């Protein structure tokens, strides 16, 4: 599973996004800066949590659209934030959706 920081002002301290190859989906967890997993005696929760079974996101653009809608910003700003935290190449999965390949194993 990949995990990348979401470089959007006010959300980058704990927020993450990435590809989950076990479920073949994109995911994101957005935490407002100043909140964190387990913080506030365990009461802090992600402000936005895009994961199955509620969200079965197959395209990065769809993930970006959900985040943009939630934050009230342009989809292009979210796609730029994705590009800032991942410099690899995207792959096509099943002929219709994109994904992030797993990094090569260290011993290969």
C-alpha atoms as a PDB file:
ATOM      1  CA  UNK A   1       0.000   0.000   0.000  1.00  0.00           C
ATOM      2  CA  UNK A   2       1.319   3.417  -0.850  1.00  0.00           C
ATOM      3  CA  UNK A   3       0.999   6.381   1.481  1.00  0.00           C
ATOM      4  CA  UNK A   4       1.727   9.965   0.492  1.00  0.00           C
ATOM      5  CA  UNK A   5       1.398  13.296   2.249  1.00  0.00           C
ATOM      6  CA  UNK A   6      -1.339  15.557   0.895  1.00  0.00           C
ATOM      7  CA  UNK A   7       0.412  18.878   0.335  1.00  0.00           C
ATOM      8  CA  UNK A   8      -2.516  21.240   0.826  1.00  0.00           C
ATOM      9  CA  UNK A   9      -2.166  24.135   3.278  1.00  0.00           C
ATOM     10  CA  UNK A  10      -3.836  23.375   6.581  1.00  0.00           C
ATOM     11  CA  UNK A  11      -4.104  19.652   5.867  1.00  0.00           C
ATOM     12  CA  UNK A  12      -0.581  18.363   5.267  1.00  0.00           C
ATOM     13  CA  UNK A  13       0.623  17.455   8.763  1.00  0.00           C
ATOM     14  CA  UNK A  14      -1.247  14.112   8.988  1.00  0.00           C
ATOM     15  CA  UNK A  15      -3.355  13.796   5.815  1.00  0.00           C
ATOM     16  CA  UNK A  16      -2.480  11.007   3.418  1.00  0.00           C
ATOM     17  CA  UNK A  17      -3.598   9.466   0.152  1.00  0.00           C
ATOM     18  CA  UNK A  18      -2.509   6.526  -1.964  1.00  0.00           C
ATOM     19  CA  UNK A  19      -3.255   3.259  -3.731  1.00  0.00           C
ATOM     20  CA  UNK A  20      -4.354   0.125  -1.884  1.00  0.00           C
ATOM     21  CA  UNK A  21      -3.408  -2.847  -4.113  1.00  0.00           C
ATOM     22  CA  UNK A  22      -5.170  -5.320  -1.816  1.00  0.00           C
ATOM     23  CA  UNK A  23      -8.524  -3.700  -2.532  1.00  0.00           C
ATOM     24  CA  UNK A  24      -7.672  -2.137  -5.923  1.00  0.00           C
ATOM     25  CA  UNK A  25      -8.764   1.322  -4.790  1.00  0.00           C
ATOM     26  CA  UNK A  26      -7.472   4.804  -4.128  1.00  0.00           C
ATOM     27  CA  UNK A  27      -7.948   6.088  -0.588  1.00  0.00           C
ATOM     28  CA  UNK A  28      -7.465   9.262   1.441  1.00  0.00           C
ATOM     29  CA  UNK A  29      -7.631  10.343   5.058  1.00  0.00           C
ATOM     30  CA  UNK A  30      -7.741  14.080   5.698  1.00  0.00           C
ATOM     31  CA  UNK A  31      -6.773  15.402   9.095  1.00  0.00           C
ATOM     32  CA  UNK A  32      -6.952  19.127   9.778  1.00  0.00           C
ATOM     33  CA  UNK A  33      -3.561  20.386  10.964  1.00  0.00           C
ATOM     34  CA  UNK A  34      -3.651  20.358  14.756  1.00  0.00           C
ATOM     35  CA  UNK A  35      -5.547  17.077  14.905  1.00  0.00           C
ATOM     36  CA  UNK A  36      -3.937  13.691  14.607  1.00  0.00           C
ATOM     37  CA  UNK A  37      -4.604   9.978  14.843  1.00  0.00           C
ATOM     38  CA  UNK A  38      -5.109   9.102  18.492  1.00  0.00           C
ATOM     39  CA  UNK A  39      -4.933  12.760  19.488  1.00  0.00           C
ATOM     40  CA  UNK A  40      -7.239  14.515  21.927  1.00  0.00           C
ATOM     41  CA  UNK A  41      -7.402  11.360  24.066  1.00  0.00           C
ATOM     42  CA  UNK A  42      -8.455   9.336  21.045  1.00  0.00           C
ATOM     43  CA  UNK A  43     -11.300  11.655  20.047  1.00  0.00           C
ATOM     44  CA  UNK A  44      -9.631  13.074  16.923  1.00  0.00           C
ATOM     45  CA  UNK A  45     -10.907  11.426  13.749  1.00  0.00           C
ATOM     46  CA  UNK A  46     -10.216  12.163  10.098  1.00  0.00           C
ATOM     47  CA  UNK A  47     -12.323  15.031   8.783  1.00  0.00           C
ATOM     48  CA  UNK A  48     -12.692  13.036   5.561  1.00  0.00           C
ATOM     49  CA  UNK A  49     -12.106   9.304   5.167  1.00  0.00           C
ATOM     50  CA  UNK A  50     -12.360   7.937   1.631  1.00  0.00           C
ATOM     51  CA  UNK A  51     -12.039   4.148   1.934  1.00  0.00           C
ATOM     52  CA  UNK A  52     -14.123   1.045   1.199  1.00  0.00           C
ATOM     53  CA  UNK A  53     -16.814  -0.001   1.691  1.00  0.00           C
ATOM     54  CA  UNK A  54     -18.321   3.503   1.470  1.00  0.00           C
ATOM     55  CA  UNK A  55     -15.974   4.637  -1.306  1.00  0.00           C
ATOM     56  CA  UNK A  56     -14.676   2.298  -4.033  1.00  0.00           C
ATOM     57  CA  UNK A  57     -12.537   4.825  -5.912  1.00  0.00           C
ATOM     58  CA  UNK A  58     -10.900   3.537  -9.092  1.00  0.00           C
ATOM     59  CA  UNK A  59      -9.503   6.769 -10.576  1.00  0.00           C
ATOM     60  CA  UNK A  60      -7.125   9.364  -9.135  1.00  0.00           C
ATOM     61  CA  UNK A  61      -9.286  12.055 -10.697  1.00  0.00           C
ATOM     62  CA  UNK A  62     -12.308  10.756  -8.783  1.00  0.00           C
ATOM     63  CA  UNK A  63     -10.319  10.789  -5.538  1.00  0.00           C
ATOM     64  CA  UNK A  64      -9.204  14.348  -6.309  1.00  0.00           C
ATOM     65  CA  UNK A  65     -12.809  15.385  -7.029  1.00  0.00           C
ATOM     66  CA  UNK A  66     -14.025  14.091  -3.643  1.00  0.00           C
ATOM     67  CA  UNK A  67     -11.218  15.918  -1.835  1.00  0.00           C
ATOM     68  CA  UNK A  68     -11.727  19.122  -3.824  1.00  0.00           C
ATOM     69  CA  UNK A  69     -15.468  19.088  -3.127  1.00  0.00           C
ATOM     70  CA  UNK A  70     -14.865  18.574   0.597  1.00  0.00           C
ATOM     71  CA  UNK A  71     -12.242  21.349   0.797  1.00  0.00           C
ATOM     72  CA  UNK A  72     -14.028  23.726  -1.583  1.00  0.00           C
ATOM     73  CA  UNK A  73     -11.040  24.021  -3.911  1.00  0.00           C
ATOM     74  CA  UNK A  74     -10.367  23.229  -7.578  1.00  0.00           C
ATOM     75  CA  UNK A  75      -9.746  19.628  -8.614  1.00  0.00           C
ATOM     76  CA  UNK A  76      -6.602  20.822 -10.373  1.00  0.00           C
ATOM     77  CA  UNK A  77      -5.191  22.015  -7.018  1.00  0.00           C
ATOM     78  CA  UNK A  78      -5.629  18.531  -5.558  1.00  0.00           C
ATOM     79  CA  UNK A  79      -4.083  16.887  -8.630  1.00  0.00           C
ATOM     80  CA  UNK A  80      -1.089  19.252  -8.274  1.00  0.00           C
ATOM     81  CA  UNK A  81      -0.801  18.244  -4.603  1.00  0.00           C
ATOM     82  CA  UNK A  82      -0.780  14.583  -5.681  1.00  0.00           C
ATOM     83  CA  UNK A  83       1.971  15.307  -8.224  1.00  0.00           C
ATOM     84  CA  UNK A  84       4.073  17.067  -5.561  1.00  0.00           C
ATOM     85  CA  UNK A  85       4.201  13.934  -3.442  1.00  0.00           C
ATOM     86  CA  UNK A  86       4.567  11.249  -6.115  1.00  0.00           C
ATOM     87  CA  UNK A  87       7.026  11.419  -9.000  1.00  0.00           C
ATOM     88  CA  UNK A  88       6.580   7.899 -10.353  1.00  0.00           C
ATOM     89  CA  UNK A  89       4.604   6.733 -13.345  1.00  0.00           C
ATOM     90  CA  UNK A  90       0.935   5.771 -13.144  1.00  0.00           C
ATOM     91  CA  UNK A  91      -0.194   2.430 -14.553  1.00  0.00           C
ATOM     92  CA  UNK A  92      -3.425   1.271 -16.168  1.00  0.00           C
ATOM     93  CA  UNK A  93      -5.374  -1.377 -14.290  1.00  0.00           C
ATOM     94  CA  UNK A  94      -8.056  -3.450 -15.980  1.00  0.00           C
ATOM     95  CA  UNK A  95      -8.038  -1.163 -19.004  1.00  0.00           C
ATOM     96  CA  UNK A  96     -10.087   1.515 -17.272  1.00  0.00           C
ATOM     97  CA  UNK A  97      -8.538   2.756 -14.053  1.00  0.00           C
ATOM     98  CA  UNK A  98      -5.124   3.949 -13.028  1.00  0.00           C
ATOM     99  CA  UNK A  99      -3.064   2.866 -10.083  1.00  0.00           C
ATOM    100  CA  UNK A 100       0.285   3.337  -8.469  1.00  0.00           C
ATOM    101  CA  UNK A 101       2.572   0.341  -8.842  1.00  0.00           C
ATOM    102  CA  UNK A 102       4.119  -1.167  -5.760  1.00  0.00           C
ATOM    103  CA  UNK A 103       7.769  -0.224  -5.282  1.00  0.00           C
ATOM    104  CA  UNK A 104      10.233  -2.947  -6.212  1.00  0.00           C
ATOM    105  CA  UNK A 105      11.311  -5.274  -3.430  1.00  0.00           C
ATOM    106  CA  UNK A 106      14.606  -4.322  -1.818  1.00  0.00           C
ATOM    107  CA  UNK A 107      16.231  -7.669  -2.639  1.00  0.00           C
ATOM    108  CA  UNK A 108      15.452  -7.566  -6.370  1.00  0.00           C
END
